[in-house]
C-alpha cells in the first residue's frame, strides 16, 4: 500500500508540474498584448458599460481634410478596439463629444461618412 501511495504522489506531482508549464505557456498566448482576452481583462474595471463614445478620424492627406465618426455602443467597446488596434478608429481615432455624432445624425453603433 505504501508503494501505491508513493507512486500516486509522484504521478500527481508530475501531472501538476506538467500542467503548470502548459498553463504558463497558454497564459502567454492568451494574455499577450494583441489578444482579445488580454484587452477585455485589462479594460474591465476602467470603462463604462453604459456610456456611448463618439470617435473621430481625420484624413489630412486630402484637401480639404475630411473626418468620419463612429459612435460606439459603450466606452468598453472603444477601449477594446483601441487595445486591439483592428480598426482605424481604434488606431488613430480621437474621442470627441457625443454631440458631434448626434448633430451629424450618426446613431449609436453606426459610422458616419462626414463628421464636423
Protein backbone atom coordinates (compact mmCIF):
# COMPACT_ATOMS: atom_id res chain seq x y z
CA UNK A 1 0.00 0.00 0.00
CA UNK A 2 2.92 2.34 0.74
CA UNK A 3 4.34 1.74 -2.72
CA UNK A 4 0.99 2.59 -4.34
CA UNK A 5 0.80 5.77 -2.24
CA UNK A 6 4.34 6.72 -3.29
CA UNK A 7 3.58 6.12 -7.00
CA UNK A 8 0.30 8.02 -6.70
CA UNK A 9 2.04 11.00 -5.14
CA UNK A 10 4.74 11.01 -7.83
CA UNK A 11 2.11 10.79 -10.56
CA UNK A 12 0.12 13.61 -9.02
CA UNK A 13 3.19 15.83 -8.66
CA UNK A 14 4.27 15.08 -12.23
CA UNK A 15 0.82 15.94 -13.56
CA UNK A 16 0.72 19.18 -11.61
CA UNK A 17 4.18 20.14 -12.83
CA UNK A 18 3.29 19.45 -16.46
CA UNK A 19 0.01 21.31 -16.06
CA UNK A 20 1.76 24.34 -14.58
CA UNK A 21 4.17 24.55 -17.54
CA UNK A 22 1.34 24.12 -20.02
CA UNK A 23 -0.80 26.71 -18.24
CA UNK A 24 2.03 29.24 -18.26
CA UNK A 25 2.51 28.70 -21.99
CA UNK A 26 -1.23 29.01 -22.64
CA UNK A 27 -1.42 32.13 -20.47
CA UNK A 28 1.30 33.76 -22.56
CA UNK A 29 -0.66 33.01 -25.72
CA UNK A 30 -3.97 34.21 -24.32
CA UNK A 31 -2.79 37.27 -22.42
CA UNK A 32 -0.28 38.81 -24.81
CA UNK A 33 -0.88 42.43 -25.80
CA UNK A 34 -2.59 41.54 -29.10
CA UNK A 35 -5.10 39.17 -27.59
CA UNK A 36 -8.79 39.94 -27.22
CA UNK A 37 -8.79 38.24 -23.83
CA UNK A 38 -5.97 40.47 -22.60
CA UNK A 39 -7.75 43.59 -23.85
CA UNK A 40 -11.05 42.64 -22.23
CA UNK A 41 -9.34 41.72 -18.97
CA UNK A 42 -7.17 44.86 -18.81
CA UNK A 43 -10.03 47.26 -19.60
CA UNK A 44 -12.65 45.52 -17.46
CA UNK A 45 -12.64 47.87 -14.48
CA UNK A 46 -11.67 51.11 -16.19
CA UNK A 47 -14.52 51.52 -18.65
CA UNK A 48 -18.20 52.35 -18.64
CA UNK A 49 -20.57 49.70 -19.98
CA UNK A 50 -23.38 52.22 -20.39
CA UNK A 51 -21.82 55.36 -21.88
CA UNK A 52 -21.62 55.59 -25.69
CA UNK A 53 -18.44 57.11 -27.16
CA UNK A 54 -18.07 59.20 -30.31
CA UNK A 55 -14.69 58.78 -32.04
CA UNK A 56 -13.46 60.89 -34.96
CA UNK A 57 -10.79 60.08 -37.51
CA UNK A 58 -9.48 62.92 -39.67
CA UNK A 59 -7.90 62.25 -43.06
CA UNK A 60 -5.49 65.13 -43.64
CA UNK A 61 -3.98 63.62 -46.79
CA UNK A 62 -6.80 65.11 -48.87
CA UNK A 63 -7.69 68.77 -49.30
CA UNK A 64 -9.84 69.81 -47.57
CA UNK A 65 -9.33 67.41 -44.69
CA UNK A 66 -12.30 65.11 -44.11
CA UNK A 67 -13.45 63.48 -40.92
CA UNK A 68 -15.53 60.40 -40.25
CA UNK A 69 -17.04 59.41 -36.94
CA UNK A 70 -18.01 56.17 -35.31
CA UNK A 71 -20.42 56.06 -32.41
CA UNK A 72 -19.51 53.08 -30.21
CA UNK A 73 -22.22 51.48 -28.06
CA UNK A 74 -20.03 51.66 -24.95
CA UNK A 75 -16.74 53.04 -23.75
CA UNK A 76 -15.60 49.44 -23.15
CA UNK A 77 -16.16 48.57 -26.81
CA UNK A 78 -13.99 51.51 -27.90
CA UNK A 79 -11.21 50.73 -25.41
CA UNK A 80 -11.06 47.10 -26.57
CA UNK A 81 -10.91 48.29 -30.19
CA UNK A 82 -8.14 50.71 -29.20
CA UNK A 83 -6.22 47.94 -27.40
CA UNK A 84 -6.50 45.55 -30.33
CA UNK A 85 -5.90 48.23 -32.97
CA UNK A 86 -8.02 46.43 -35.55
CA UNK A 87 -9.83 49.48 -36.98
CA UNK A 88 -8.77 52.96 -37.97
CA UNK A 89 -10.90 54.31 -35.15
CA UNK A 90 -9.06 52.17 -32.64
CA UNK A 91 -5.63 53.03 -34.04
CA UNK A 92 -5.82 56.77 -34.68
CA UNK A 93 -9.25 57.93 -33.57
CA UNK A 94 -9.79 60.71 -31.08
CA UNK A 95 -12.63 60.71 -28.61
CA UNK A 96 -14.88 63.73 -29.15
CA UNK A 97 -18.08 64.98 -27.54
CA UNK A 98 -21.10 62.77 -28.16
CA UNK A 99 -22.94 65.80 -29.51
CA UNK A 100 -20.72 65.67 -32.60
CA UNK A 101 -22.14 62.28 -33.51
CA UNK A 102 -25.70 63.22 -32.67
CA UNK A 103 -25.65 66.52 -34.60
CA UNK A 104 -24.29 64.66 -37.64
CA UNK A 105 -27.18 62.15 -37.37
CA UNK A 106 -24.91 59.20 -36.51
CA UNK A 107 -26.77 56.62 -34.45
CA UNK A 108 -25.16 54.59 -31.70
CA UNK A 109 -23.33 51.65 -33.28
CA UNK A 110 -23.07 53.37 -36.67
CA UNK A 111 -20.32 55.07 -38.68
CA UNK A 112 -20.87 58.40 -40.40
CA UNK A 113 -19.35 59.43 -43.72
CA UNK A 114 -18.87 63.06 -42.70
CA UNK A 115 -18.33 64.41 -39.25
CA UNK A 116 -17.64 68.03 -38.45
